[in-house]
Amino acid sequence: MRRLLIFLTLILVVLAVLWALAETFVARELRTGLAGQPDIRVAETAPLRDPARIGARLTGIEVTLPGTRIALPRLDLSARSLRPNHFVADLPQRIEIRHLGQSFDLGLTA
């Protein structure tokens, strides 16, 4: 019985380490991929650290297109642990859009 508990504990530790490494990898890949995009600026990219999801949190996002600027305070990109091929973007409640000199606040509700 004691060996079984030790084995299960080791399995849980290995899974936790793999989860943390996966989130760090996702955040690093996002940071690297976005660095090569001149129209997208992100102030910070960090692992999400939510046990139910694997993903990253982006903060201070600005997308600049001809005549338009879109600003998001944060954006969470994640995949459920049991559905890794299904990514979800959790948008903030307020998005600022500036188009041809006019500002618009886009409010989102659940």
N, C-alpha and C. Protein backbone atom coordinates (compact mmCIF):
# COMPACT_ATOMS: atom_id res chain seq x y z
N MET A 1 0.82 -1.20 0.00
CA MET A 1 0.00 0.00 0.00
C MET A 1 0.87 1.26 0.00
N ARG A 2 1.93 1.22 0.77
CA ARG A 2 2.81 2.37 0.84
C ARG A 2 3.49 2.64 -0.51
N ARG A 3 3.88 1.59 -1.19
CA ARG A 3 4.50 1.75 -2.51
C ARG A 3 3.52 2.35 -3.52
N LEU A 4 2.27 1.94 -3.40
CA LEU A 4 1.25 2.49 -4.29
C LEU A 4 1.09 3.99 -4.07
N LEU A 5 1.05 4.44 -2.82
CA LEU A 5 0.94 5.87 -2.52
C LEU A 5 2.15 6.65 -3.02
N ILE A 6 3.33 6.08 -2.87
CA ILE A 6 4.54 6.74 -3.37
C ILE A 6 4.49 6.84 -4.89
N PHE A 7 4.06 5.77 -5.55
CA PHE A 7 3.94 5.76 -7.00
C PHE A 7 2.94 6.81 -7.48
N LEU A 8 1.77 6.87 -6.85
CA LEU A 8 0.75 7.85 -7.23
C LEU A 8 1.22 9.28 -6.99
N THR A 9 1.94 9.49 -5.90
CA THR A 9 2.49 10.81 -5.61
C THR A 9 3.50 11.23 -6.68
N LEU A 10 4.35 10.28 -7.09
CA LEU A 10 5.32 10.58 -8.14
C LEU A 10 4.63 10.90 -9.47
N ILE A 11 3.56 10.18 -9.79
CA ILE A 11 2.81 10.45 -11.01
C ILE A 11 2.22 11.87 -10.96
N LEU A 12 1.65 12.25 -9.83
CA LEU A 12 1.08 13.59 -9.69
C LEU A 12 2.14 14.68 -9.82
N VAL A 13 3.30 14.45 -9.25
CA VAL A 13 4.39 15.43 -9.34
C VAL A 13 4.86 15.57 -10.78
N VAL A 14 4.99 14.45 -11.48
CA VAL A 14 5.41 14.49 -12.88
C VAL A 14 4.37 15.24 -13.73
N LEU A 15 3.09 14.98 -13.51
CA LEU A 15 2.04 15.67 -14.25
C LEU A 15 2.06 17.18 -13.97
N ALA A 16 2.27 17.57 -12.73
CA ALA A 16 2.32 18.99 -12.38
C ALA A 16 3.51 19.68 -13.05
N VAL A 17 4.64 19.02 -13.09
CA VAL A 17 5.82 19.60 -13.73
C VAL A 17 5.59 19.72 -15.24
N LEU A 18 5.01 18.70 -15.85
CA LEU A 18 4.72 18.75 -17.28
C LEU A 18 3.74 19.88 -17.62
N TRP A 19 2.73 20.07 -16.78
CA TRP A 19 1.76 21.15 -16.98
C TRP A 19 2.45 22.52 -16.92
N ALA A 20 3.30 22.71 -15.90
CA ALA A 20 4.01 23.99 -15.75
C ALA A 20 4.96 24.23 -16.93
N LEU A 21 5.64 23.19 -17.38
CA LEU A 21 6.53 23.33 -18.53
C LEU A 21 5.74 23.64 -19.80
N ALA A 22 4.58 23.03 -19.97
CA ALA A 22 3.75 23.29 -21.15
C ALA A 22 3.29 24.74 -21.18
N GLU A 23 2.87 25.27 -20.06
CA GLU A 23 2.43 26.68 -20.01
C GLU A 23 3.59 27.63 -20.28
N THR A 24 4.74 27.34 -19.74
CA THR A 24 5.90 28.18 -19.98
C THR A 24 6.28 28.14 -21.46
N PHE A 25 6.19 26.96 -22.07
CA PHE A 25 6.48 26.82 -23.50
C PHE A 25 5.49 27.62 -24.35
N VAL A 26 4.20 27.53 -24.02
CA VAL A 26 3.17 28.26 -24.77
C VAL A 26 3.42 29.77 -24.68
N ALA A 27 3.70 30.27 -23.48
CA ALA A 27 3.94 31.70 -23.30
C ALA A 27 5.18 32.15 -24.08
N ARG A 28 6.24 31.35 -24.04
CA ARG A 28 7.47 31.70 -24.75
C ARG A 28 7.24 31.70 -26.26
N GLU A 29 6.51 30.71 -26.78
CA GLU A 29 6.25 30.65 -28.22
C GLU A 29 5.37 31.83 -28.68
N LEU A 30 4.39 32.19 -27.87
CA LEU A 30 3.57 33.37 -28.19
C LEU A 30 4.42 34.63 -28.22
N ARG A 31 5.26 34.79 -27.23
CA ARG A 31 6.13 35.97 -27.15
C ARG A 31 7.04 36.03 -28.38
N THR A 32 7.62 34.90 -28.77
CA THR A 32 8.51 34.85 -29.92
C THR A 32 7.75 35.12 -31.21
N GLY A 33 6.58 34.52 -31.36
CA GLY A 33 5.79 34.71 -32.57
C GLY A 33 5.28 36.13 -32.73
N LEU A 34 4.88 36.75 -31.63
CA LEU A 34 4.37 38.11 -31.69
C LEU A 34 5.48 39.14 -31.85
N ALA A 35 6.69 38.80 -31.46
CA ALA A 35 7.80 39.74 -31.60
C ALA A 35 8.09 40.05 -33.07
N GLY A 36 7.79 39.11 -33.94
CA GLY A 36 8.04 39.33 -35.37
C GLY A 36 6.89 40.02 -36.09
N GLN A 37 5.85 40.39 -35.38
CA GLN A 37 4.69 41.05 -35.99
C GLN A 37 4.76 42.55 -35.72
N PRO A 38 5.04 43.36 -36.76
CA PRO A 38 5.18 44.80 -36.52
C PRO A 38 3.86 45.49 -36.15
N ASP A 39 2.72 44.90 -36.51
CA ASP A 39 1.42 45.52 -36.25
C ASP A 39 0.85 45.17 -34.88
N ILE A 40 1.48 44.25 -34.16
CA ILE A 40 0.96 43.81 -32.87
C ILE A 40 2.03 44.03 -31.80
N ARG A 41 1.64 44.75 -30.75
CA ARG A 41 2.54 44.96 -29.61
C ARG A 41 1.90 44.39 -28.36
N VAL A 42 2.67 43.69 -27.58
CA VAL A 42 2.20 43.10 -26.33
C VAL A 42 3.17 43.51 -25.24
N ALA A 43 2.65 44.10 -24.14
CA ALA A 43 3.52 44.54 -23.06
C ALA A 43 4.10 43.36 -22.29
N GLU A 44 3.28 42.34 -22.04
CA GLU A 44 3.75 41.20 -21.23
C GLU A 44 3.04 39.93 -21.67
N THR A 45 3.78 38.84 -21.69
CA THR A 45 3.24 37.51 -21.95
C THR A 45 3.68 36.62 -20.79
N ALA A 46 2.70 35.99 -20.13
CA ALA A 46 3.01 35.17 -18.96
C ALA A 46 2.17 33.89 -19.00
N PRO A 47 2.67 32.83 -18.38
CA PRO A 47 1.86 31.61 -18.27
C PRO A 47 0.58 31.90 -17.49
N LEU A 48 -0.50 31.20 -17.83
CA LEU A 48 -1.80 31.45 -17.21
C LEU A 48 -1.87 30.93 -15.78
N ARG A 49 -1.29 29.79 -15.51
CA ARG A 49 -1.25 29.16 -14.18
C ARG A 49 -2.64 28.87 -13.62
N ASP A 50 -3.47 28.28 -14.45
CA ASP A 50 -4.80 27.81 -14.04
C ASP A 50 -4.81 26.29 -14.22
N PRO A 51 -5.02 25.54 -13.15
CA PRO A 51 -4.93 24.07 -13.26
C PRO A 51 -5.90 23.45 -14.26
N ALA A 52 -7.00 24.10 -14.54
CA ALA A 52 -7.98 23.54 -15.47
C ALA A 52 -7.64 23.83 -16.94
N ARG A 53 -6.70 24.76 -17.16
CA ARG A 53 -6.38 25.17 -18.53
C ARG A 53 -4.88 25.29 -18.71
N ILE A 54 -4.45 25.12 -19.94
CA ILE A 54 -3.05 25.36 -20.31
C ILE A 54 -3.07 26.56 -21.25
N GLY A 55 -2.31 27.61 -20.91
CA GLY A 55 -2.35 28.79 -21.77
C GLY A 55 -1.46 29.90 -21.30
N ALA A 56 -1.75 31.09 -21.83
CA ALA A 56 -0.95 32.27 -21.53
C ALA A 56 -1.85 33.48 -21.41
N ARG A 57 -1.39 34.45 -20.63
CA ARG A 57 -2.08 35.73 -20.46
C ARG A 57 -1.24 36.81 -21.11
N LEU A 58 -1.86 37.53 -22.05
CA LEU A 58 -1.22 38.66 -22.70
C LEU A 58 -1.79 39.93 -22.12
N THR A 59 -0.95 40.90 -21.80
CA THR A 59 -1.42 42.16 -21.25
C THR A 59 -0.85 43.31 -22.10
N GLY A 60 -1.61 44.41 -22.12
CA GLY A 60 -1.19 45.60 -22.85
C GLY A 60 -1.08 45.36 -24.35
N ILE A 61 -2.12 44.84 -24.95
CA ILE A 61 -2.09 44.49 -26.37
C ILE A 61 -2.55 45.67 -27.21
N GLU A 62 -1.80 45.96 -28.27
CA GLU A 62 -2.19 46.99 -29.24
C GLU A 62 -2.00 46.43 -30.64
N VAL A 63 -3.09 46.47 -31.41
CA VAL A 63 -3.05 46.05 -32.82
C VAL A 63 -3.24 47.31 -33.66
N THR A 64 -2.29 47.57 -34.54
CA THR A 64 -2.34 48.77 -35.38
C THR A 64 -2.50 48.36 -36.83
N LEU A 65 -3.59 48.83 -37.43
CA LEU A 65 -3.87 48.60 -38.84
C LEU A 65 -3.98 49.97 -39.51
N PRO A 66 -3.96 50.05 -40.82
CA PRO A 66 -4.09 51.37 -41.46
C PRO A 66 -5.39 52.07 -41.04
N GLY A 67 -5.25 53.17 -40.33
CA GLY A 67 -6.40 53.95 -39.90
C GLY A 67 -7.09 53.44 -38.65
N THR A 68 -6.63 52.34 -38.09
CA THR A 68 -7.32 51.74 -36.95
C THR A 68 -6.31 51.26 -35.91
N ARG A 69 -6.66 51.47 -34.65
CA ARG A 69 -5.87 50.95 -33.53
C ARG A 69 -6.82 50.28 -32.56
N ILE A 70 -6.51 49.05 -32.17
CA ILE A 70 -7.32 48.29 -31.22
C ILE A 70 -6.47 48.01 -30.00
N ALA A 71 -6.98 48.34 -28.82
CA ALA A 71 -6.24 48.14 -27.57
C ALA A 71 -7.05 47.26 -26.63
N LEU A 72 -6.40 46.23 -26.11
CA LEU A 72 -7.00 45.33 -25.12
C LEU A 72 -6.12 45.36 -23.88
N PRO A 73 -6.71 45.52 -22.69
CA PRO A 73 -5.89 45.50 -21.48
C PRO A 73 -5.28 44.13 -21.21
N ARG A 74 -6.01 43.06 -21.56
CA ARG A 74 -5.48 41.70 -21.37
C ARG A 74 -6.25 40.74 -22.27
N LEU A 75 -5.65 39.59 -22.50
CA LEU A 75 -6.28 38.54 -23.29
C LEU A 75 -5.73 37.21 -22.80
N ASP A 76 -6.63 36.30 -22.43
CA ASP A 76 -6.23 34.97 -22.00
C ASP A 76 -6.46 33.99 -23.14
N LEU A 77 -5.41 33.30 -23.56
CA LEU A 77 -5.50 32.26 -24.57
C LEU A 77 -5.24 30.93 -23.87
N SER A 78 -6.17 29.99 -24.02
CA SER A 78 -6.00 28.74 -23.28
C SER A 78 -6.65 27.57 -24.00
N ALA A 79 -6.23 26.39 -23.59
CA ALA A 79 -6.84 25.14 -24.03
C ALA A 79 -7.19 24.36 -22.77
N ARG A 80 -8.32 23.71 -22.79
CA ARG A 80 -8.70 22.86 -21.66
C ARG A 80 -7.73 21.68 -21.57
N SER A 81 -7.47 21.23 -20.39
CA SER A 81 -6.54 20.12 -20.20
C SER A 81 -7.00 18.86 -20.93
N LEU A 82 -8.30 18.64 -20.99
CA LEU A 82 -8.82 17.43 -21.63
C LEU A 82 -9.14 17.64 -23.11
N ARG A 83 -9.04 18.88 -23.62
CA ARG A 83 -9.28 19.17 -25.04
C ARG A 83 -8.17 20.09 -25.55
N PRO A 84 -6.95 19.58 -25.69
CA PRO A 84 -5.82 20.44 -26.05
C PRO A 84 -5.87 20.99 -27.47
N ASN A 85 -6.73 20.47 -28.33
CA ASN A 85 -6.81 20.98 -29.70
C ASN A 85 -7.90 22.04 -29.86
N HIS A 86 -8.50 22.48 -28.77
CA HIS A 86 -9.57 23.48 -28.79
C HIS A 86 -9.13 24.69 -27.97
N PHE A 87 -8.67 25.75 -28.66
CA PHE A 87 -8.20 26.94 -27.95
C PHE A 87 -9.33 27.94 -27.75
N VAL A 88 -9.28 28.64 -26.63
CA VAL A 88 -10.30 29.62 -26.26
C VAL A 88 -9.60 30.94 -25.97
N ALA A 89 -10.19 32.03 -26.45
CA ALA A 89 -9.70 33.38 -26.15
C ALA A 89 -10.71 34.05 -25.23
N ASP A 90 -10.29 34.34 -24.01
CA ASP A 90 -11.13 35.06 -23.05
C ASP A 90 -10.85 36.55 -23.20
N LEU A 91 -11.82 37.27 -23.73
CA LEU A 91 -11.66 38.70 -23.98
C LEU A 91 -11.96 39.51 -22.72
N PRO A 92 -11.36 40.69 -22.61
CA PRO A 92 -11.69 41.57 -21.48
C PRO A 92 -13.08 42.17 -21.65
N GLN A 93 -13.59 42.80 -20.60
CA GLN A 93 -14.92 43.39 -20.67
C GLN A 93 -14.94 44.67 -21.49
N ARG A 94 -13.78 45.28 -21.71
CA ARG A 94 -13.72 46.54 -22.45
C ARG A 94 -12.57 46.51 -23.45
N ILE A 95 -12.88 46.84 -24.69
CA ILE A 95 -11.88 46.93 -25.76
C ILE A 95 -11.98 48.34 -26.36
N GLU A 96 -10.85 49.00 -26.52
CA GLU A 96 -10.83 50.34 -27.09
C GLU A 96 -10.46 50.25 -28.57
N ILE A 97 -11.30 50.84 -29.41
CA ILE A 97 -11.05 50.86 -30.85
C ILE A 97 -10.98 52.32 -31.30
N ARG A 98 -9.92 52.66 -31.99
CA ARG A 98 -9.76 54.01 -32.54
C ARG A 98 -9.69 53.86 -34.05
N HIS A 99 -10.71 54.39 -34.73
CA HIS A 99 -10.79 54.25 -36.19
C HIS A 99 -10.97 55.62 -36.82
N LEU A 100 -10.05 55.99 -37.68
CA LEU A 100 -10.07 57.27 -38.39
C LEU A 100 -10.29 58.46 -37.45
N GLY A 101 -9.57 58.46 -36.33
CA GLY A 101 -9.61 59.57 -35.40
C GLY A 101 -10.74 59.53 -34.38
N GLN A 102 -11.65 58.59 -34.49
CA GLN A 102 -12.75 58.48 -33.52
C GLN A 102 -12.50 57.29 -32.60
N SER A 103 -12.78 57.50 -31.31
CA SER A 103 -12.61 56.41 -30.33
C SER A 103 -13.95 55.76 -30.02
N PHE A 104 -13.90 54.46 -29.91
CA PHE A 104 -15.06 53.66 -29.54
C PHE A 104 -14.65 52.71 -28.44
N ASP A 105 -15.50 52.56 -27.43
CA ASP A 105 -15.29 51.56 -26.40
C ASP A 105 -16.26 50.43 -26.64
N LEU A 106 -15.72 49.26 -26.85
CA LEU A 106 -16.55 48.09 -27.08
C LEU A 106 -16.67 47.36 -25.75
N GLY A 107 -17.88 47.28 -25.22
CA GLY A 107 -18.12 46.59 -23.96
C GLY A 107 -18.66 45.20 -24.21
N LEU A 108 -18.09 44.22 -23.54
CA LEU A 108 -18.51 42.83 -23.69
C LEU A 108 -19.11 42.34 -22.38
N THR A 109 -20.21 41.63 -22.47
CA THR A 109 -20.82 41.02 -21.30
C THR A 109 -21.06 39.54 -21.56
N ALA A 110 -21.08 38.79 -20.50
CA ALA A 110 -21.29 37.34 -20.65
C ALA A 110 -22.75 37.01 -20.71
